[in-house]
Amino acid sequence: MRSPTFVVSAFSALLLALAVQASPPLSASSEAKSALAVSTQIAAASAAVGDTELDSESDTTPIRGANIGGGVFLIEPFIKPSLFDQFLSRNKADIPVDEWTFTAALGKVEAKRQLEEHWDTFVTRDHLEAMAESGINWIRIPIGYWAFNLTDDEPYVDGQVPYIERVLEWSRDIGLKVELDLHGAPGSQNGYDNSGRRGVPEWLHSRINVDRTLDALAKMTKIAVDWSDVVYGIQILNEPSRWNGVSNC
C-alpha cells in the first residue's frame, strides 16, 4: 500500500489529464508550459516523501473519522449561521449565501477581521482532545483554494494557513491523523455554497481555473510533506458535479 502523499501525485496527474480534455484549449506551447509548471510543483512535493511502503498487516486500527466542517476554513451558512445573521435585515436577494458573497458584502478588511476571529475560535485544542477521548482518530479539514491561490479581483481573503498548521500541531500532540481536503475550486466545481460560491459551476469552463486548482493542490501537498507524520491523506477535490456529460464524483 502506497503512502497517501504518493497517491496525490498520481491522482493529480489524472485530474490534469481530464481537465485538459474538458477545459478550453490553449495554444500548444502555452498548454505544455502550463501543464509542466503545475505537474512539476506537485511532483517535487510528492518526491520529498517518496514511495513509502505501509505494512497494512501490522496496523489494523480502524479509522474513526470526523469532518471538522466547512464552517472552519470555508464557511457555510448552515454550519456557522451566526456569521450570516448580521445580514438578515437586508432584502432576501442581498443576503450572502456563501463565502464569496459574505466577503464581498463586508469588504476585505472587515471580512478578514471577522474570519480571523472565526478561525481562531471555531475549532480549539479542547475540541480535538474531546474528539480523541471519544474514540476519533482521524479528522478531515476542508479548505478553499483561496487559502493558496487568491487573485486581486476576488472578494475572498487569505491567511488561513497559520491556523491550519496550528490544528496540525494540536493533532500531532493529541495523536490524531489528518486528511486535507480541497473543498472549493476556482469557478466552483459544483455550484453549491460548499464550494465557496453558489451558482453555475464554471470550474472546467476555463483552463486558468484548472491550473489554479493544481497550483493550490501543489501548495497543499507541500503542507502534507512538511507535516507528513500528521497528514495521512489528501482529498483532491470535494464533490465535483453538475457538468454536462460528466458524472458526479
Protein backbone atom coordinates (compact mmCIF):
# COMPACT_ATOMS: atom_id res chain seq x y z
CA MET A 1 0.00 0.00 0.00
CA ARG A 2 1.46 3.36 -1.03
CA SER A 3 1.57 6.31 1.31
CA PRO A 4 -1.21 8.89 0.82
CA THR A 5 1.23 11.60 -0.22
CA PHE A 6 2.49 9.37 -3.04
CA VAL A 7 -1.06 8.79 -4.25
CA VAL A 8 -1.57 12.55 -4.53
CA SER A 9 0.84 12.74 -7.46
CA ALA A 10 -0.96 10.03 -9.42
CA PHE A 11 -4.41 11.48 -8.87
CA SER A 12 -3.23 15.00 -9.69
CA ALA A 13 -1.86 13.74 -12.99
CA LEU A 14 -5.23 12.12 -13.71
CA LEU A 15 -7.04 15.33 -12.79
CA LEU A 16 -4.78 17.31 -15.12
CA ALA A 17 -5.43 14.87 -17.97
CA LEU A 18 -9.20 15.09 -17.51
CA ALA A 19 -9.10 18.86 -17.23
CA VAL A 20 -7.04 19.23 -20.41
CA GLN A 21 -9.73 17.31 -22.30
CA ALA A 22 -12.67 19.15 -20.75
CA SER A 23 -11.45 22.75 -20.48
CA PRO A 24 -10.97 25.24 -23.33
CA PRO A 25 -7.73 24.59 -25.23
CA LEU A 26 -4.68 26.83 -25.11
CA SER A 27 -2.04 27.08 -27.79
CA ALA A 28 0.23 24.06 -27.88
CA SER A 29 3.17 25.93 -26.36
CA SER A 30 1.10 27.60 -23.63
CA GLU A 31 -0.62 24.32 -22.76
CA ALA A 32 2.68 22.49 -22.48
CA LYS A 33 4.22 25.18 -20.27
CA SER A 34 1.12 25.33 -18.07
CA ALA A 35 0.90 21.57 -17.63
CA LEU A 36 4.62 21.26 -16.99
CA ALA A 37 4.62 24.01 -14.37
CA VAL A 38 1.84 22.62 -12.21
CA SER A 39 2.91 18.99 -12.65
CA THR A 40 6.46 19.87 -11.62
CA GLN A 41 5.25 21.57 -8.43
CA ILE A 42 3.20 18.55 -7.39
CA ALA A 43 5.85 16.01 -8.36
CA ALA A 44 8.54 17.89 -6.42
CA ALA A 45 6.43 17.96 -3.28
CA SER A 46 5.48 14.29 -3.60
CA ALA A 47 9.09 13.27 -4.22
CA ALA A 48 10.05 14.65 -0.82
CA VAL A 49 8.10 11.80 0.75
CA GLY A 50 8.76 9.10 -1.82
CA ASP A 51 7.22 5.66 -2.30
CA THR A 52 6.98 4.72 1.36
CA GLU A 53 5.54 1.24 1.82
CA LEU A 54 3.00 0.85 4.59
CA ASP A 55 2.64 -2.51 6.32
CA SER A 56 -1.12 -2.99 6.39
CA GLU A 57 -0.72 -6.31 8.22
CA SER A 58 0.83 -4.70 11.30
CA ASP A 59 -1.73 -1.93 11.77
CA THR A 60 -5.36 -2.97 11.89
CA THR A 61 -6.62 0.07 13.79
CA PRO A 62 -9.91 1.17 12.20
CA ILE A 63 -10.26 4.76 11.04
CA ARG A 64 -12.84 6.59 13.12
CA GLY A 65 -13.08 9.96 11.48
CA ALA A 66 -14.83 13.29 11.82
CA ASN A 67 -15.12 16.20 9.43
CA ILE A 68 -14.33 19.39 11.31
CA GLY A 69 -16.65 21.18 8.97
CA GLY A 70 -16.89 23.54 6.07
CA GLY A 71 -17.55 26.08 8.78
CA VAL A 72 -13.87 26.48 9.66
CA PHE A 73 -11.68 27.43 6.69
CA LEU A 74 -14.55 27.57 4.20
CA ILE A 75 -17.70 28.98 5.76
CA GLU A 76 -21.19 27.66 5.04
CA PRO A 77 -24.36 29.33 6.34
CA PHE A 78 -25.85 26.18 7.88
CA ILE A 79 -22.65 25.32 9.78
CA LYS A 80 -21.88 28.81 11.13
CA PRO A 81 -25.19 30.73 10.77
CA SER A 82 -24.15 33.38 13.29
CA LEU A 83 -21.68 34.81 10.77
CA PHE A 84 -24.55 35.39 8.36
CA ASP A 85 -27.11 36.65 10.89
CA GLN A 86 -25.72 40.19 10.58
CA PHE A 87 -27.27 40.40 7.10
CA LEU A 88 -30.80 39.28 7.97
CA SER A 89 -32.19 42.83 7.87
CA ARG A 90 -31.34 43.06 4.17
CA ASN A 91 -33.65 42.22 1.32
CA LYS A 92 -33.58 38.49 0.69
CA ALA A 93 -31.80 38.90 -2.63
CA ASP A 94 -28.97 40.80 -0.90
CA ILE A 95 -28.29 38.30 1.90
CA PRO A 96 -24.95 36.49 1.44
CA VAL A 97 -25.30 32.77 0.77
CA ASP A 98 -21.67 31.63 0.64
CA GLU A 99 -18.13 32.82 1.40
CA TRP A 100 -17.88 34.70 -1.90
CA THR A 101 -20.92 36.88 -1.18
CA PHE A 102 -20.06 37.10 2.54
CA THR A 103 -16.64 38.61 1.85
CA ALA A 104 -17.99 40.77 -0.98
CA ALA A 105 -20.63 42.23 1.34
CA LEU A 106 -18.14 43.11 4.08
CA GLY A 107 -15.10 44.12 2.07
CA LYS A 108 -11.69 42.58 2.57
CA VAL A 109 -10.68 44.43 5.74
CA GLU A 110 -13.80 43.66 7.77
CA ALA A 111 -14.13 40.17 6.28
CA LYS A 112 -10.54 39.40 7.30
CA ARG A 113 -11.18 40.66 10.82
CA GLN A 114 -14.31 38.57 11.29
CA LEU A 115 -12.87 35.46 9.67
CA GLU A 116 -9.62 35.58 11.65
CA GLU A 117 -11.68 35.64 14.84
CA HIS A 118 -13.68 32.71 13.49
CA TRP A 119 -10.58 30.69 12.51
CA ASP A 120 -9.12 31.35 15.94
CA THR A 121 -12.14 30.18 17.94
CA PHE A 122 -14.37 27.82 15.95
CA VAL A 123 -12.20 24.73 16.48
CA THR A 124 -9.92 24.64 19.52
CA ARG A 125 -7.48 22.21 21.06
CA ASP A 126 -10.14 21.35 23.63
CA HIS A 127 -12.48 20.28 20.81
CA LEU A 128 -9.84 17.99 19.32
CA GLU A 129 -8.98 16.50 22.69
CA ALA A 130 -12.68 15.77 23.28
CA MET A 131 -12.85 14.04 19.89
CA ALA A 132 -9.82 11.90 20.70
CA GLU A 133 -11.24 10.97 24.08
CA SER A 134 -14.45 9.81 22.38
CA GLY A 135 -12.51 7.50 20.04
CA ILE A 136 -11.99 9.72 16.99
CA ASN A 137 -8.54 9.15 15.47
CA TRP A 138 -8.83 10.91 12.08
CA ILE A 139 -10.08 14.37 11.10
CA ARG A 140 -10.78 15.96 7.73
CA ILE A 141 -10.01 19.64 7.19
CA PRO A 142 -11.89 21.30 4.28
CA ILE A 143 -10.02 24.23 2.69
CA GLY A 144 -10.91 26.64 -0.13
CA TYR A 145 -8.46 27.22 -2.97
CA TRP A 146 -8.17 30.90 -2.00
CA ALA A 147 -6.06 29.94 1.01
CA PHE A 148 -3.34 29.13 -1.54
CA ASN A 149 -4.17 30.95 -4.78
CA LEU A 150 -6.09 34.22 -4.48
CA THR A 151 -6.33 36.94 -7.13
CA ASP A 152 -6.95 40.64 -6.53
CA ASP A 153 -10.28 40.60 -8.34
CA GLU A 154 -11.79 38.00 -5.99
CA PRO A 155 -13.50 39.12 -2.75
CA TYR A 156 -12.13 36.24 -0.68
CA VAL A 157 -9.42 36.76 1.94
CA ASP A 158 -6.48 34.50 2.68
CA GLY A 159 -4.38 33.94 5.80
CA GLN A 160 -5.79 30.54 6.74
CA VAL A 161 -2.54 28.57 6.57
CA PRO A 162 -1.14 29.50 10.03
CA TYR A 163 -4.44 28.45 11.59
CA ILE A 164 -4.46 25.21 9.59
CA GLU A 165 -0.93 24.46 10.78
CA ARG A 166 -1.99 25.17 14.35
CA VAL A 167 -4.66 22.46 14.00
CA LEU A 168 -1.98 20.14 12.60
CA GLU A 169 0.26 20.86 15.58
CA TRP A 170 -2.55 20.12 18.02
CA SER A 171 -3.35 16.93 16.11
CA ARG A 172 0.28 15.82 16.34
CA ASP A 173 0.30 16.39 20.10
CA ILE A 174 -3.02 14.60 20.59
CA GLY A 175 -2.32 11.71 18.21
CA LEU A 176 -4.89 12.47 15.50
CA LYS A 177 -4.31 11.73 11.82
CA VAL A 178 -5.41 14.41 9.33
CA GLU A 179 -6.85 14.47 5.81
CA LEU A 180 -6.56 17.76 3.92
CA ASP A 181 -9.49 18.42 1.58
CA LEU A 182 -9.58 20.93 -1.28
CA HIS A 183 -13.22 21.88 -0.76
CA GLY A 184 -13.58 24.68 -3.29
CA ALA A 185 -12.02 25.26 -6.73
CA PRO A 186 -11.86 28.42 -8.87
CA GLY A 187 -15.12 28.93 -10.73
CA SER A 188 -16.84 26.43 -8.38
CA GLN A 189 -16.65 22.72 -9.11
CA ASN A 190 -20.32 22.11 -8.28
CA GLY A 191 -22.20 25.40 -7.89
CA TYR A 192 -23.01 24.77 -4.23
CA ASP A 193 -22.24 27.02 -1.27
CA ASN A 194 -19.83 24.36 0.00
CA SER A 195 -17.52 25.26 -2.90
CA GLY A 196 -17.35 28.85 -1.70
CA ARG A 197 -19.57 30.20 -4.46
CA ARG A 198 -23.13 29.23 -5.26
CA GLY A 199 -24.33 29.37 -8.86
CA VAL A 200 -23.31 27.85 -12.17
CA PRO A 201 -20.25 25.58 -11.87
CA GLU A 202 -17.62 27.10 -14.16
CA TRP A 203 -14.53 25.23 -12.99
CA LEU A 204 -13.95 23.43 -16.30
CA HIS A 205 -15.03 26.37 -18.46
CA SER A 206 -11.59 27.94 -18.11
CA ARG A 207 -8.16 26.38 -18.34
CA ILE A 208 -6.96 29.08 -15.93
CA ASN A 209 -9.33 27.66 -13.30
CA VAL A 210 -7.83 24.21 -13.72
CA ASP A 211 -4.26 25.48 -13.50
CA ARG A 212 -5.08 27.48 -10.36
CA THR A 213 -6.62 24.37 -8.82
CA LEU A 214 -3.47 22.38 -9.48
CA ASP A 215 -1.37 25.18 -8.03
CA ALA A 216 -3.50 25.08 -4.87
CA LEU A 217 -3.08 21.29 -4.74
CA ALA A 218 0.69 21.63 -5.09
CA LYS A 219 0.80 24.03 -2.14
CA MET A 220 -1.49 21.80 -0.10
CA THR A 221 0.77 18.86 -0.93
CA LYS A 222 3.73 20.86 0.38
CA ILE A 223 1.92 21.20 3.71
CA ALA A 224 1.36 17.43 3.69
CA VAL A 225 5.08 16.90 3.15
CA ASP A 226 6.03 19.31 5.92
CA TRP A 227 3.60 17.56 8.29
CA SER A 228 3.99 14.03 6.93
CA ASP A 229 3.76 12.45 10.39
CA VAL A 230 0.29 14.01 10.80
CA VAL A 231 -1.24 14.34 7.32
CA TYR A 232 -2.13 10.88 6.03
CA GLY A 233 -4.33 11.81 3.09
CA ILE A 234 -5.40 14.48 0.63
CA GLN A 235 -8.83 14.78 -0.97
CA ILE A 236 -8.13 16.16 -4.42
CA LEU A 237 -11.47 17.94 -4.81
CA ASN A 238 -14.76 17.79 -2.92
CA GLU A 239 -17.92 16.76 -4.79
CA PRO A 240 -17.21 17.89 -8.37
CA SER A 241 -20.52 17.64 -10.24
CA ARG A 242 -23.19 19.21 -12.45
CA TRP A 243 -21.27 19.41 -15.73
CA ASN A 244 -22.87 18.28 -18.96
CA GLY A 245 -21.65 14.80 -19.80
CA VAL A 246 -19.60 14.43 -16.62
CA SER A 247 -20.79 12.23 -13.76
CA ASN A 248 -20.72 13.25 -10.13
CA CYS A 249 -17.55 12.00 -8.43
